[in-house]
């Protein structure tokens, strides 16, 4: 997976491939942007079997190549580093480090030139058989100056490196905050959408399953109305903690919205995901909340969960819609239950 480069490719062949790529883009209504063209040029050349397989699946299932799909194809198969790039201008601190380092290095280079000229003069004096003692003292002075400059340069770049480390850590923390829900500590909706798009692409590329589960806290409004929003927040944190503890490192646990939480399980089929959902549901049901001020136990917390599995080349919205209907069935049939999309197949047929 590399940036799109024609390089030394035969011009006639490159033109033929480019024409084919443009025709394919036109057939699929793909906007003719540079990044999109590089994807379809790569597809037309056939050098990436994984890219060809993914696009063929998308075309076969009549998926629209929208902005999200086009972006994921580009960063997954053509230019992975693009997705990691920091967008926007460099932070002011970073510009300051660069400016300072450039100025100091420029000064150091000028000083070195002066030093070289001075040493040249010492060499000329030595060849002219000048006073040896004076030449030695001059040489010692110039070498001492060179050592001092080198030390100052090293200290300056050490300080610059430390500042760059602080900037890198700050950017990392800022990115983490932008992808995290402040209340639960789980991924937020923006991060969830990005992860799910990437997971769908990988599932199609590798032919592996992908499943999701949607959690809704039963009678959540009652917690807020009876005990106040602080207790409601505590309930959300409890459910989020149990969810996070019961998914794998490669999975993503997120706050979907309100009292709904979501998890994406790459590589897990419907049965595996349903098993995880049941474990989560049981552990939440067994948990007990107590008020710190009084030590009194608050009524138990239960959740309803819907589970669905990704179908080849379908949209994330279609998969989530099935998951949501499974969740609705769980709540409608008494709550504190896990329901999968298989359990609502009869409803789907009836609705059709």
C-alpha atoms as a PDB file:
ATOM      1  CA  UNK A   1       0.000   0.000   0.000  1.00  0.00           C
ATOM      2  CA  UNK A   2       1.847   3.034  -1.263  1.00  0.00           C
ATOM      3  CA  UNK A   3       1.134   6.500  -2.558  1.00  0.00           C
ATOM      4  CA  UNK A   4      -0.018   6.617  -6.158  1.00  0.00           C
ATOM      5  CA  UNK A   5       3.100   7.038  -8.321  1.00  0.00           C
ATOM      6  CA  UNK A   6       3.410   6.324 -12.025  1.00  0.00           C
ATOM      7  CA  UNK A   7       7.202   6.689 -11.959  1.00  0.00           C
ATOM      8  CA  UNK A   8       8.870   4.970 -14.917  1.00  0.00           C
ATOM      9  CA  UNK A   9       5.663   3.276 -16.098  1.00  0.00           C
ATOM     10  CA  UNK A  10       5.231   3.177 -19.864  1.00  0.00           C
ATOM     11  CA  UNK A  11       3.249   6.303 -20.795  1.00  0.00           C
ATOM     12  CA  UNK A  12       0.945   4.519 -23.234  1.00  0.00           C
ATOM     13  CA  UNK A  13       0.076   1.870 -20.633  1.00  0.00           C
ATOM     14  CA  UNK A  14      -0.389   4.517 -17.940  1.00  0.00           C
ATOM     15  CA  UNK A  15      -2.766   6.437 -20.220  1.00  0.00           C
ATOM     16  CA  UNK A  16      -4.774   3.280 -20.906  1.00  0.00           C
ATOM     17  CA  UNK A  17      -5.063   2.483 -17.194  1.00  0.00           C
ATOM     18  CA  UNK A  18      -5.990   6.084 -16.391  1.00  0.00           C
ATOM     19  CA  UNK A  19      -8.735   6.082 -19.033  1.00  0.00           C
ATOM     20  CA  UNK A  20     -10.149   2.861 -17.598  1.00  0.00           C
ATOM     21  CA  UNK A  21     -10.025   4.266 -14.072  1.00  0.00           C
ATOM     22  CA  UNK A  22     -11.920   7.394 -15.156  1.00  0.00           C
ATOM     23  CA  UNK A  23     -14.579   5.310 -16.929  1.00  0.00           C
ATOM     24  CA  UNK A  24     -15.049   3.137 -13.837  1.00  0.00           C
ATOM     25  CA  UNK A  25     -15.332   6.209 -11.615  1.00  0.00           C
ATOM     26  CA  UNK A  26     -17.945   7.661 -13.955  1.00  0.00           C
ATOM     27  CA  UNK A  27     -19.934   4.412 -13.923  1.00  0.00           C
ATOM     28  CA  UNK A  28     -19.974   4.378 -10.101  1.00  0.00           C
ATOM     29  CA  UNK A  29     -20.558   8.157  -9.772  1.00  0.00           C
ATOM     30  CA  UNK A  30     -17.279   8.629  -7.900  1.00  0.00           C
ATOM     31  CA  UNK A  31     -16.157  12.297  -7.754  1.00  0.00           C
ATOM     32  CA  UNK A  32     -12.967  12.854  -9.767  1.00  0.00           C
ATOM     33  CA  UNK A  33     -10.746  14.016  -6.907  1.00  0.00           C
ATOM     34  CA  UNK A  34      -6.999  13.197  -6.830  1.00  0.00           C
ATOM     35  CA  UNK A  35      -7.389  10.757  -3.936  1.00  0.00           C
ATOM     36  CA  UNK A  36     -10.344   8.970  -5.564  1.00  0.00           C
ATOM     37  CA  UNK A  37      -8.465   8.755  -8.872  1.00  0.00           C
ATOM     38  CA  UNK A  38      -5.452   7.182  -7.157  1.00  0.00           C
ATOM     39  CA  UNK A  39      -7.745   4.497  -5.664  1.00  0.00           C
ATOM     40  CA  UNK A  40      -9.356   3.642  -8.993  1.00  0.00           C
ATOM     41  CA  UNK A  41      -6.058   3.810 -10.890  1.00  0.00           C
ATOM     42  CA  UNK A  42      -4.725   1.216  -8.432  1.00  0.00           C
ATOM     43  CA  UNK A  43      -7.905  -0.823  -8.943  1.00  0.00           C
ATOM     44  CA  UNK A  44      -7.643  -0.609 -12.743  1.00  0.00           C
ATOM     45  CA  UNK A  45      -4.000  -1.755 -12.617  1.00  0.00           C
ATOM     46  CA  UNK A  46      -4.959  -4.735 -10.442  1.00  0.00           C
ATOM     47  CA  UNK A  47      -1.807  -4.541  -8.304  1.00  0.00           C
ATOM     48  CA  UNK A  48      -3.745  -4.784  -5.025  1.00  0.00           C
ATOM     49  CA  UNK A  49      -5.883  -7.951  -4.802  1.00  0.00           C
ATOM     50  CA  UNK A  50      -7.366  -6.757  -1.498  1.00  0.00           C
ATOM     51  CA  UNK A  51      -8.482  -3.439  -3.014  1.00  0.00           C
ATOM     52  CA  UNK A  52      -9.903  -5.192  -6.083  1.00  0.00           C
ATOM     53  CA  UNK A  53     -11.828  -7.667  -3.925  1.00  0.00           C
ATOM     54  CA  UNK A  54     -13.288  -4.939  -1.705  1.00  0.00           C
ATOM     55  CA  UNK A  55     -14.399  -2.734  -4.601  1.00  0.00           C
ATOM     56  CA  UNK A  56     -15.847  -5.726  -6.478  1.00  0.00           C
ATOM     57  CA  UNK A  57     -17.907  -6.626  -3.408  1.00  0.00           C
ATOM     58  CA  UNK A  58     -19.133  -3.047  -3.075  1.00  0.00           C
ATOM     59  CA  UNK A  59     -20.090  -2.900  -6.766  1.00  0.00           C
ATOM     60  CA  UNK A  60     -21.742  -6.338  -6.647  1.00  0.00           C
ATOM     61  CA  UNK A  61     -23.906  -5.232  -3.739  1.00  0.00           C
ATOM     62  CA  UNK A  62     -24.733  -1.930  -5.443  1.00  0.00           C
ATOM     63  CA  UNK A  63     -23.235   0.141  -2.655  1.00  0.00           C
ATOM     64  CA  UNK A  64     -22.951   3.868  -3.249  1.00  0.00           C
ATOM     65  CA  UNK A  65     -19.373   5.142  -3.168  1.00  0.00           C
ATOM     66  CA  UNK A  66     -20.049   7.987  -0.777  1.00  0.00           C
ATOM     67  CA  UNK A  67     -17.456  10.260   0.841  1.00  0.00           C
ATOM     68  CA  UNK A  68     -16.948   7.910   3.810  1.00  0.00           C
ATOM     69  CA  UNK A  69     -16.339   4.824   1.639  1.00  0.00           C
ATOM     70  CA  UNK A  70     -14.030   6.735  -0.702  1.00  0.00           C
ATOM     71  CA  UNK A  71     -12.019   8.044   2.237  1.00  0.00           C
ATOM     72  CA  UNK A  72     -11.645   4.597   3.809  1.00  0.00           C
ATOM     73  CA  UNK A  73     -10.534   3.041   0.512  1.00  0.00           C
ATOM     74  CA  UNK A  74      -7.892   5.748   0.128  1.00  0.00           C
ATOM     75  CA  UNK A  75      -6.426   5.575   3.628  1.00  0.00           C
ATOM     76  CA  UNK A  76      -6.654   1.760   3.798  1.00  0.00           C
ATOM     77  CA  UNK A  77      -5.205   0.789   0.436  1.00  0.00           C
ATOM     78  CA  UNK A  78      -3.394   3.769  -1.080  1.00  0.00           C
ATOM     79  CA  UNK A  79      -2.088   6.153   1.563  1.00  0.00           C
ATOM     80  CA  UNK A  80      -2.403   4.873   5.160  1.00  0.00           C
ATOM     81  CA  UNK A  81      -0.302   7.751   6.501  1.00  0.00           C
ATOM     82  CA  UNK A  82      -2.895  10.277   5.303  1.00  0.00           C
ATOM     83  CA  UNK A  83      -5.327   9.110   7.957  1.00  0.00           C
ATOM     84  CA  UNK A  84      -2.710   9.723  10.638  1.00  0.00           C
ATOM     85  CA  UNK A  85      -1.789  13.223   9.511  1.00  0.00           C
ATOM     86  CA  UNK A  86      -2.650  16.087  11.837  1.00  0.00           C
ATOM     87  CA  UNK A  87      -5.005  18.413   9.996  1.00  0.00           C
ATOM     88  CA  UNK A  88      -4.787  22.187  10.140  1.00  0.00           C
ATOM     89  CA  UNK A  89      -1.848  24.474  10.872  1.00  0.00           C
ATOM     90  CA  UNK A  90       0.992  23.463  13.122  1.00  0.00           C
ATOM     91  CA  UNK A  91       0.438  24.499  16.731  1.00  0.00           C
ATOM     92  CA  UNK A  92       2.122  27.770  17.647  1.00  0.00           C
ATOM     93  CA  UNK A  93       4.423  25.944  20.072  1.00  0.00           C
ATOM     94  CA  UNK A  94       5.683  23.698  17.313  1.00  0.00           C
ATOM     95  CA  UNK A  95       6.380  26.645  15.032  1.00  0.00           C
ATOM     96  CA  UNK A  96       8.289  28.247  17.899  1.00  0.00           C
ATOM     97  CA  UNK A  97      10.504  25.186  18.348  1.00  0.00           C
ATOM     98  CA  UNK A  98      11.242  25.041  14.623  1.00  0.00           C
ATOM     99  CA  UNK A  99      12.032  28.766  14.452  1.00  0.00           C
ATOM    100  CA  UNK A 100      14.298  28.622  17.501  1.00  0.00           C
ATOM    101  CA  UNK A 101      16.140  25.548  16.270  1.00  0.00           C
ATOM    102  CA  UNK A 102      16.603  27.067  12.810  1.00  0.00           C
ATOM    103  CA  UNK A 103      17.946  30.322  14.194  1.00  0.00           C
ATOM    104  CA  UNK A 104      20.316  28.575  16.586  1.00  0.00           C
ATOM    105  CA  UNK A 105      21.570  26.230  13.877  1.00  0.00           C
ATOM    106  CA  UNK A 106      22.119  29.157  11.494  1.00  0.00           C
ATOM    107  CA  UNK A 107      24.143  30.933  14.156  1.00  0.00           C
ATOM    108  CA  UNK A 108      26.120  27.760  14.872  1.00  0.00           C
ATOM    109  CA  UNK A 109      26.955  27.329  11.181  1.00  0.00           C
ATOM    110  CA  UNK A 110      28.161  30.955  10.977  1.00  0.00           C
ATOM    111  CA  UNK A 111      30.250  30.471  14.129  1.00  0.00           C
ATOM    112  CA  UNK A 112      31.779  27.311  12.673  1.00  0.00           C
ATOM    113  CA  UNK A 113      32.788  29.190   9.534  1.00  0.00           C
ATOM    114  CA  UNK A 114      34.424  31.849  11.715  1.00  0.00           C
ATOM    115  CA  UNK A 115      36.135  29.086  13.672  1.00  0.00           C
ATOM    116  CA  UNK A 116      37.467  27.447  10.520  1.00  0.00           C
ATOM    117  CA  UNK A 117      38.822  30.782   9.293  1.00  0.00           C
ATOM    118  CA  UNK A 118      40.510  31.381  12.660  1.00  0.00           C
ATOM    119  CA  UNK A 119      42.110  27.933  12.604  1.00  0.00           C
ATOM    120  CA  UNK A 120      43.285  28.650   9.064  1.00  0.00           C
ATOM    121  CA  UNK A 121      45.016  31.779  10.329  1.00  0.00           C
ATOM    122  CA  UNK A 122      46.700  29.786  13.091  1.00  0.00           C
ATOM    123  CA  UNK A 123      47.894  27.285  10.503  1.00  0.00           C
ATOM    124  CA  UNK A 124      49.322  30.094   8.347  1.00  0.00           C
ATOM    125  CA  UNK A 125      51.127  31.576  11.351  1.00  0.00           C
ATOM    126  CA  UNK A 126      52.617  28.206  12.201  1.00  0.00           C
ATOM    127  CA  UNK A 127      53.891  27.774   8.637  1.00  0.00           C
ATOM    128  CA  UNK A 128      55.430  31.256   8.807  1.00  0.00           C
ATOM    129  CA  UNK A 129      57.407  30.083  11.861  1.00  0.00           C
ATOM    130  CA  UNK A 130      55.817  32.538  14.240  1.00  0.00           C
ATOM    131  CA  UNK A 131      56.157  32.476  18.025  1.00  0.00           C
ATOM    132  CA  UNK A 132      55.243  28.837  19.013  1.00  0.00           C
ATOM    133  CA  UNK A 133      53.939  29.888  22.430  1.00  0.00           C
ATOM    134  CA  UNK A 134      51.550  32.451  20.935  1.00  0.00           C
ATOM    135  CA  UNK A 135      50.393  29.959  18.306  1.00  0.00           C
ATOM    136  CA  UNK A 136      49.690  27.307  20.963  1.00  0.00           C
ATOM    137  CA  UNK A 137      47.729  29.775  23.111  1.00  0.00           C
ATOM    138  CA  UNK A 138      45.726  30.928  20.058  1.00  0.00           C
ATOM    139  CA  UNK A 139      45.007  27.322  19.105  1.00  0.00           C
ATOM    140  CA  UNK A 140      43.905  26.422  22.640  1.00  0.00           C
ATOM    141  CA  UNK A 141      41.581  29.444  22.681  1.00  0.00           C
ATOM    142  CA  UNK A 142      39.963  28.567  19.351  1.00  0.00           C
ATOM    143  CA  UNK A 143      39.508  24.919  20.314  1.00  0.00           C
ATOM    144  CA  UNK A 144      37.971  26.002  23.630  1.00  0.00           C
ATOM    145  CA  UNK A 145      35.566  28.260  21.728  1.00  0.00           C
ATOM    146  CA  UNK A 146      34.645  25.379  19.415  1.00  0.00           C
ATOM    147  CA  UNK A 147      33.946  23.107  22.410  1.00  0.00           C
ATOM    148  CA  UNK A 148      31.749  25.768  24.023  1.00  0.00           C
ATOM    149  CA  UNK A 149      29.765  26.244  20.819  1.00  0.00           C
ATOM    150  CA  UNK A 150      29.292  22.500  20.413  1.00  0.00           C
ATOM    151  CA  UNK A 151      28.094  22.217  24.021  1.00  0.00           C
ATOM    152  CA  UNK A 152      25.643  25.083  23.576  1.00  0.00           C
ATOM    153  CA  UNK A 153      24.335  23.519  20.359  1.00  0.00           C
ATOM    154  CA  UNK A 154      23.841  20.162  22.057  1.00  0.00           C
ATOM    155  CA  UNK A 155      22.002  21.745  24.997  1.00  0.00           C
ATOM    156  CA  UNK A 156      19.768  23.737  22.654  1.00  0.00           C
ATOM    157  CA  UNK A 157      18.748  20.697  20.658  1.00  0.00           C
ATOM    158  CA  UNK A 158      18.227  18.665  23.821  1.00  0.00           C
ATOM    159  CA  UNK A 159      15.825  21.350  25.049  1.00  0.00           C
ATOM    160  CA  UNK A 160      14.118  21.376  21.639  1.00  0.00           C
ATOM    161  CA  UNK A 161      13.724  17.600  21.744  1.00  0.00           C
ATOM    162  CA  UNK A 162      12.154  17.778  25.200  1.00  0.00           C
ATOM    163  CA  UNK A 163       9.726  20.466  24.010  1.00  0.00           C
ATOM    164  CA  UNK A 164       8.817  18.366  20.975  1.00  0.00           C
ATOM    165  CA  UNK A 165       8.103  15.425  23.291  1.00  0.00           C
ATOM    166  CA  UNK A 166       5.805  17.642  25.370  1.00  0.00           C
ATOM    167  CA  UNK A 167       4.018  18.854  22.229  1.00  0.00           C
ATOM    168  CA  UNK A 168       3.623  15.274  20.974  1.00  0.00           C
ATOM    169  CA  UNK A 169       2.133  14.198  24.299  1.00  0.00           C
ATOM    170  CA  UNK A 170      -0.197  17.207  24.319  1.00  0.00           C
ATOM    171  CA  UNK A 171      -1.424  16.395  20.807  1.00  0.00           C
ATOM    172  CA  UNK A 172      -1.933  12.768  21.780  1.00  0.00           C
ATOM    173  CA  UNK A 173      -3.950  13.773  24.845  1.00  0.00           C
ATOM    174  CA  UNK A 174      -5.993  16.277  22.823  1.00  0.00           C
ATOM    175  CA  UNK A 175      -6.761  13.641  20.192  1.00  0.00           C
ATOM    176  CA  UNK A 176      -7.762  11.194  22.904  1.00  0.00           C
ATOM    177  CA  UNK A 177     -10.089  13.768  24.472  1.00  0.00           C
ATOM    178  CA  UNK A 178     -11.666  14.509  21.091  1.00  0.00           C
ATOM    179  CA  UNK A 179     -12.421  10.797  20.640  1.00  0.00           C
ATOM    180  CA  UNK A 180     -13.666  10.106  24.176  1.00  0.00           C
ATOM    181  CA  UNK A 181     -17.007  10.633  25.889  1.00  0.00           C
ATOM    182  CA  UNK A 182     -16.284  12.725  28.976  1.00  0.00           C
ATOM    183  CA  UNK A 183     -18.872  11.074  31.242  1.00  0.00           C
ATOM    184  CA  UNK A 184     -18.245   7.370  30.572  1.00  0.00           C
ATOM    185  CA  UNK A 185     -14.660   7.368  29.328  1.00  0.00           C
ATOM    186  CA  UNK A 186     -15.753   5.285  26.334  1.00  0.00           C
ATOM    187  CA  UNK A 187     -15.246   6.242  22.697  1.00  0.00           C
ATOM    188  CA  UNK A 188     -17.620   8.954  21.514  1.00  0.00           C
ATOM    189  CA  UNK A 189     -19.929   8.833  18.502  1.00  0.00           C
ATOM    190  CA  UNK A 190     -17.382  10.357  16.107  1.00  0.00           C
ATOM    191  CA  UNK A 191     -14.752   7.800  17.053  1.00  0.00           C
ATOM    192  CA  UNK A 192     -17.339   5.014  16.794  1.00  0.00           C
ATOM    193  CA  UNK A 193     -18.333   6.005  13.256  1.00  0.00           C
ATOM    194  CA  UNK A 194     -14.693   6.035  12.111  1.00  0.00           C
ATOM    195  CA  UNK A 195     -13.914   2.684  13.747  1.00  0.00           C
ATOM    196  CA  UNK A 196     -17.020   1.043  12.319  1.00  0.00           C
ATOM    197  CA  UNK A 197     -16.255   2.205   8.776  1.00  0.00           C
ATOM    198  CA  UNK A 198     -12.727   0.806   9.003  1.00  0.00           C
ATOM    199  CA  UNK A 199     -13.975  -2.449  10.531  1.00  0.00           C
ATOM    200  CA  UNK A 200     -16.427  -2.924   7.654  1.00  0.00           C
ATOM    201  CA  UNK A 201     -13.656  -2.471   5.081  1.00  0.00           C
ATOM    202  CA  UNK A 202     -11.412  -4.979   6.883  1.00  0.00           C
ATOM    203  CA  UNK A 203     -14.272  -7.480   7.223  1.00  0.00           C
ATOM    204  CA  UNK A 204     -14.880  -7.355   3.470  1.00  0.00           C
ATOM    205  CA  UNK A 205     -11.172  -7.524   2.662  1.00  0.00           C
ATOM    206  CA  UNK A 206     -10.477 -10.545   4.877  1.00  0.00           C
ATOM    207  CA  UNK A 207     -13.862 -12.226   4.633  1.00  0.00           C
ATOM    208  CA  UNK A 208     -14.181 -12.216   8.417  1.00  0.00           C
ATOM    209  CA  UNK A 209     -17.327 -11.677  10.515  1.00  0.00           C
ATOM    210  CA  UNK A 210     -18.132  -8.414  12.241  1.00  0.00           C
ATOM    211  CA  UNK A 211     -20.834  -8.000  14.861  1.00  0.00           C
ATOM    212  CA  UNK A 212     -22.222  -5.207  16.998  1.00  0.00           C
ATOM    213  CA  UNK A 213     -24.295  -4.905  20.155  1.00  0.00           C
ATOM    214  CA  UNK A 214     -26.464  -2.036  21.343  1.00  0.00           C
ATOM    215  CA  UNK A 215     -27.219  -1.593  25.056  1.00  0.00           C
ATOM    216  CA  UNK A 216     -30.070   0.428  26.528  1.00  0.00           C
ATOM    217  CA  UNK A 217     -30.404   0.943  30.289  1.00  0.00           C
ATOM    218  CA  UNK A 218     -33.845  -0.162  31.461  1.00  0.00           C
ATOM    219  CA  UNK A 219     -36.001   2.503  33.140  1.00  0.00           C
ATOM    220  CA  UNK A 220     -33.140   4.980  33.056  1.00  0.00           C
ATOM    221  CA  UNK A 221     -35.488   7.938  33.362  1.00  0.00           C
ATOM    222  CA  UNK A 222     -36.705   6.553  36.683  1.00  0.00           C
ATOM    223  CA  UNK A 223     -33.175   6.710  38.128  1.00  0.00           C
ATOM    224  CA  UNK A 224     -32.914  10.371  37.184  1.00  0.00           C
ATOM    225  CA  UNK A 225     -36.428  11.223  38.406  1.00  0.00           C
ATOM    226  CA  UNK A 226     -36.148   9.294  41.688  1.00  0.00           C
ATOM    227  CA  UNK A 227     -32.524   9.784  42.710  1.00  0.00           C
ATOM    228  CA  UNK A 228     -31.329  12.725  40.612  1.00  0.00           C
ATOM    229  CA  UNK A 229     -29.015  13.097  37.637  1.00  0.00           C
ATOM    230  CA  UNK A 230     -25.891  12.367  39.676  1.00  0.00           C
ATOM    231  CA  UNK A 231     -27.154   8.864  40.358  1.00  0.00           C
ATOM    232  CA  UNK A 232     -28.167   8.593  36.692  1.00  0.00           C
ATOM    233  CA  UNK A 233     -24.598   9.443  35.741  1.00  0.00           C
ATOM    234  CA  UNK A 234     -23.329   6.834  38.193  1.00  0.00           C
ATOM    235  CA  UNK A 235     -25.539   4.215  36.553  1.00  0.00           C
ATOM    236  CA  UNK A 236     -24.153   5.127  33.135  1.00  0.00           C
ATOM    237  CA  UNK A 237     -20.586   4.841  34.415  1.00  0.00           C
ATOM    238  CA  UNK A 238     -21.356   1.432  35.936  1.00  0.00           C
ATOM    239  CA  UNK A 239     -22.738   0.055  32.676  1.00  0.00           C
ATOM    240  CA  UNK A 240     -19.847   1.588  30.711  1.00  0.00           C
ATOM    241  CA  UNK A 241     -17.316  -0.001  33.085  1.00  0.00           C
ATOM    242  CA  UNK A 242     -18.878  -3.457  32.748  1.00  0.00           C
ATOM    243  CA  UNK A 243     -19.031  -3.077  28.964  1.00  0.00           C
ATOM    244  CA  UNK A 244     -15.383  -2.030  28.717  1.00  0.00           C
ATOM    245  CA  UNK A 245     -14.229  -4.861  30.965  1.00  0.00           C
ATOM    246  CA  UNK A 246     -16.008  -7.503  28.886  1.00  0.00           C
ATOM    247  CA  UNK A 247     -14.809  -6.664  25.376  1.00  0.00           C
ATOM    248  CA  UNK A 248     -11.403  -7.437  23.885  1.00  0.00           C
ATOM    249  CA  UNK A 249      -8.586  -4.990  23.189  1.00  0.00           C
ATOM    250  CA  UNK A 250      -9.363  -5.084  19.461  1.00  0.00           C
ATOM    251  CA  UNK A 251     -13.037  -4.255  20.080  1.00  0.00           C
ATOM    252  CA  UNK A 252     -14.468  -0.780  20.542  1.00  0.00           C
ATOM    253  CA  UNK A 253     -16.863   0.206  23.322  1.00  0.00           C
ATOM    254  CA  UNK A 254     -18.617   3.536  22.784  1.00  0.00           C
ATOM    255  CA  UNK A 255     -21.393   5.759  24.034  1.00  0.00           C
ATOM    256  CA  UNK A 256     -23.979   5.761  21.278  1.00  0.00           C
ATOM    257  CA  UNK A 257     -26.146   8.498  22.738  1.00  0.00           C
ATOM    258  CA  UNK A 258     -28.161   9.193  25.904  1.00  0.00           C
ATOM    259  CA  UNK A 259     -28.363   5.975  27.918  1.00  0.00           C
ATOM    260  CA  UNK A 260     -27.410   3.789  24.947  1.00  0.00           C
ATOM    261  CA  UNK A 261     -23.968   2.201  24.673  1.00  0.00           C
ATOM    262  CA  UNK A 262     -22.511   0.380  21.700  1.00  0.00           C
ATOM    263  CA  UNK A 263     -19.766  -2.148  20.994  1.00  0.00           C
ATOM    264  CA  UNK A 264     -18.122  -3.229  17.733  1.00  0.00           C
ATOM    265  CA  UNK A 265     -16.562  -6.699  17.719  1.00  0.00           C
ATOM    266  CA  UNK A 266     -14.362  -7.335  14.650  1.00  0.00           C
ATOM    267  CA  UNK A 267     -13.896 -11.036  13.887  1.00  0.00           C
ATOM    268  CA  UNK A 268     -16.874 -12.086  16.041  1.00  0.00           C
ATOM    269  CA  UNK A 269     -19.927 -13.755  14.538  1.00  0.00           C
ATOM    270  CA  UNK A 270     -23.478 -13.341  15.821  1.00  0.00           C
ATOM    271  CA  UNK A 271     -23.278 -16.192  18.372  1.00  0.00           C
ATOM    272  CA  UNK A 272     -20.003 -14.970  19.843  1.00  0.00           C
ATOM    273  CA  UNK A 273     -21.315 -11.413  20.099  1.00  0.00           C
ATOM    274  CA  UNK A 274     -24.555 -12.657  21.697  1.00  0.00           C
ATOM    275  CA  UNK A 275     -22.478 -14.539  24.280  1.00  0.00           C
ATOM    276  CA  UNK A 276     -20.546 -11.368  25.113  1.00  0.00           C
ATOM    277  CA  UNK A 277     -23.815  -9.433  25.357  1.00  0.00           C
ATOM    278  CA  UNK A 278     -25.297 -12.006  27.741  1.00  0.00           C
ATOM    279  CA  UNK A 279     -22.215 -11.885  29.947  1.00  0.00           C
ATOM    280  CA  UNK A 280     -22.460  -8.100  30.090  1.00  0.00           C
ATOM    281  CA  UNK A 281     -26.195  -8.215  30.820  1.00  0.00           C
ATOM    282  CA  UNK A 282     -25.729 -10.740  33.635  1.00  0.00           C
ATOM    283  CA  UNK A 283     -22.913  -8.844  35.331  1.00  0.00           C
ATOM    284  CA  UNK A 284     -24.815  -5.581  35.224  1.00  0.00           C
ATOM    285  CA  UNK A 285     -27.872  -7.291  36.679  1.00  0.00           C
ATOM    286  CA  UNK A 286     -25.754  -8.724  39.518  1.00  0.00           C
ATOM    287  CA  UNK A 287     -24.159  -5.363  40.327  1.00  0.00           C
ATOM    288  CA  UNK A 288     -25.485  -3.169  43.116  1.00  0.00           C
ATOM    289  CA  UNK A 289     -25.305   0.580  43.514  1.00  0.00           C
ATOM    290  CA  UNK A 290     -25.102   2.265  46.897  1.00  0.00           C
ATOM    291  CA  UNK A 291     -25.277   5.936  47.863  1.00  0.00           C
ATOM    292  CA  UNK A 292     -21.960   7.129  49.251  1.00  0.00           C
ATOM    293  CA  UNK A 293     -23.599   9.519  51.680  1.00  0.00           C
ATOM    294  CA  UNK A 294     -25.922   6.994  53.317  1.00  0.00           C
ATOM    295  CA  UNK A 295     -24.610   3.583  52.255  1.00  0.00           C
ATOM    296  CA  UNK A 296     -28.147   2.643  51.240  1.00  0.00           C
ATOM    297  CA  UNK A 297     -28.533   0.356  48.239  1.00  0.00           C
ATOM    298  CA  UNK A 298     -30.197   1.757  45.143  1.00  0.00           C
ATOM    299  CA  UNK A 299     -32.507  -0.433  43.095  1.00  0.00           C
ATOM    300  CA  UNK A 300     -30.697  -2.870  40.818  1.00  0.00           C
ATOM    301  CA  UNK A 301     -29.726  -1.912  37.272  1.00  0.00           C
ATOM    302  CA  UNK A 302     -30.705  -3.961  34.233  1.00  0.00           C
ATOM    303  CA  UNK A 303     -30.119  -3.512  30.521  1.00  0.00           C
ATOM    304  CA  UNK A 304     -31.667  -4.683  27.272  1.00  0.00           C
ATOM    305  CA  UNK A 305     -29.316  -5.578  24.415  1.00  0.00           C
ATOM    306  CA  UNK A 306     -29.722  -6.006  20.664  1.00  0.00           C
ATOM    307  CA  UNK A 307     -27.157  -7.901  18.567  1.00  0.00           C
ATOM    308  CA  UNK A 308     -26.567  -7.933  14.800  1.00  0.00           C
ATOM    309  CA  UNK A 309     -23.919  -9.173  12.350  1.00  0.00           C
ATOM    310  CA  UNK A 310     -22.546  -7.270   9.369  1.00  0.00           C
ATOM    311  CA  UNK A 311     -23.731  -8.435   5.959  1.00  0.00           C
ATOM    312  CA  UNK A 312     -21.323  -8.111   3.063  1.00  0.00           C
ATOM    313  CA  UNK A 313     -21.166  -4.529   1.715  1.00  0.00           C
ATOM    314  CA  UNK A 314     -24.236  -3.292   3.597  1.00  0.00           C
ATOM    315  CA  UNK A 315     -24.201   0.152   5.138  1.00  0.00           C
ATOM    316  CA  UNK A 316     -23.495   0.663   8.804  1.00  0.00           C
ATOM    317  CA  UNK A 317     -26.950   2.205   9.104  1.00  0.00           C
ATOM    318  CA  UNK A 318     -28.627  -1.005   7.862  1.00  0.00           C
ATOM    319  CA  UNK A 319     -26.757  -3.154  10.371  1.00  0.00           C
ATOM    320  CA  UNK A 320     -27.476  -0.754  13.232  1.00  0.00           C
ATOM    321  CA  UNK A 321     -31.155  -0.611  12.244  1.00  0.00           C
ATOM    322  CA  UNK A 322     -31.434  -4.405  12.683  1.00  0.00           C
ATOM    323  CA  UNK A 323     -29.578  -4.167  15.972  1.00  0.00           C
ATOM    324  CA  UNK A 324     -31.940  -1.438  17.129  1.00  0.00           C
ATOM    325  CA  UNK A 325     -35.008  -3.489  16.233  1.00  0.00           C
ATOM    326  CA  UNK A 326     -33.582  -6.433  18.174  1.00  0.00           C
ATOM    327  CA  UNK A 327     -33.075  -4.097  21.140  1.00  0.00           C
ATOM    328  CA  UNK A 328     -36.646  -2.863  20.818  1.00  0.00           C
ATOM    329  CA  UNK A 329     -37.883  -6.464  20.888  1.00  0.00           C
ATOM    330  CA  UNK A 330     -35.871  -7.067  24.096  1.00  0.00           C
ATOM    331  CA  UNK A 331     -37.455  -4.045  25.796  1.00  0.00           C
ATOM    332  CA  UNK A 332     -40.922  -4.826  24.512  1.00  0.00           C
ATOM    333  CA  UNK A 333     -40.758  -8.414  25.777  1.00  0.00           C
ATOM    334  CA  UNK A 334     -39.938  -7.548  29.371  1.00  0.00           C
ATOM    335  CA  UNK A 335     -36.454  -5.937  29.374  1.00  0.00           C
ATOM    336  CA  UNK A 336     -33.286  -7.363  30.969  1.00  0.00           C
ATOM    337  CA  UNK A 337     -32.841  -9.537  27.867  1.00  0.00           C
ATOM    338  CA  UNK A 338     -30.493 -10.069  24.935  1.00  0.00           C
ATOM    339  CA  UNK A 339     -32.149 -10.410  21.527  1.00  0.00           C
ATOM    340  CA  UNK A 340     -30.323 -11.073  18.230  1.00  0.00           C
ATOM    341  CA  UNK A 341     -31.356 -10.243  14.684  1.00  0.00           C
ATOM    342  CA  UNK A 342     -32.194 -13.934  14.207  1.00  0.00           C
ATOM    343  CA  UNK A 343     -34.926 -13.565  16.816  1.00  0.00           C
ATOM    344  CA  UNK A 344     -36.684 -10.909  14.729  1.00  0.00           C
ATOM    345  CA  UNK A 345     -36.454 -12.623  11.327  1.00  0.00           C
ATOM    346  CA  UNK A 346     -40.200 -13.291  11.378  1.00  0.00           C
ATOM    347  CA  UNK A 347     -40.854  -9.592  11.916  1.00  0.00           C
ATOM    348  CA  UNK A 348     -38.624  -8.705   8.975  1.00  0.00           C
ATOM    349  CA  UNK A 349     -40.463 -11.094   6.659  1.00  0.00           C
ATOM    350  CA  UNK A 350     -43.853  -9.843   7.880  1.00  0.00           C
ATOM    351  CA  UNK A 351     -42.803  -6.254   7.321  1.00  0.00           C
ATOM    352  CA  UNK A 352     -41.624  -7.061   3.792  1.00  0.00           C
END
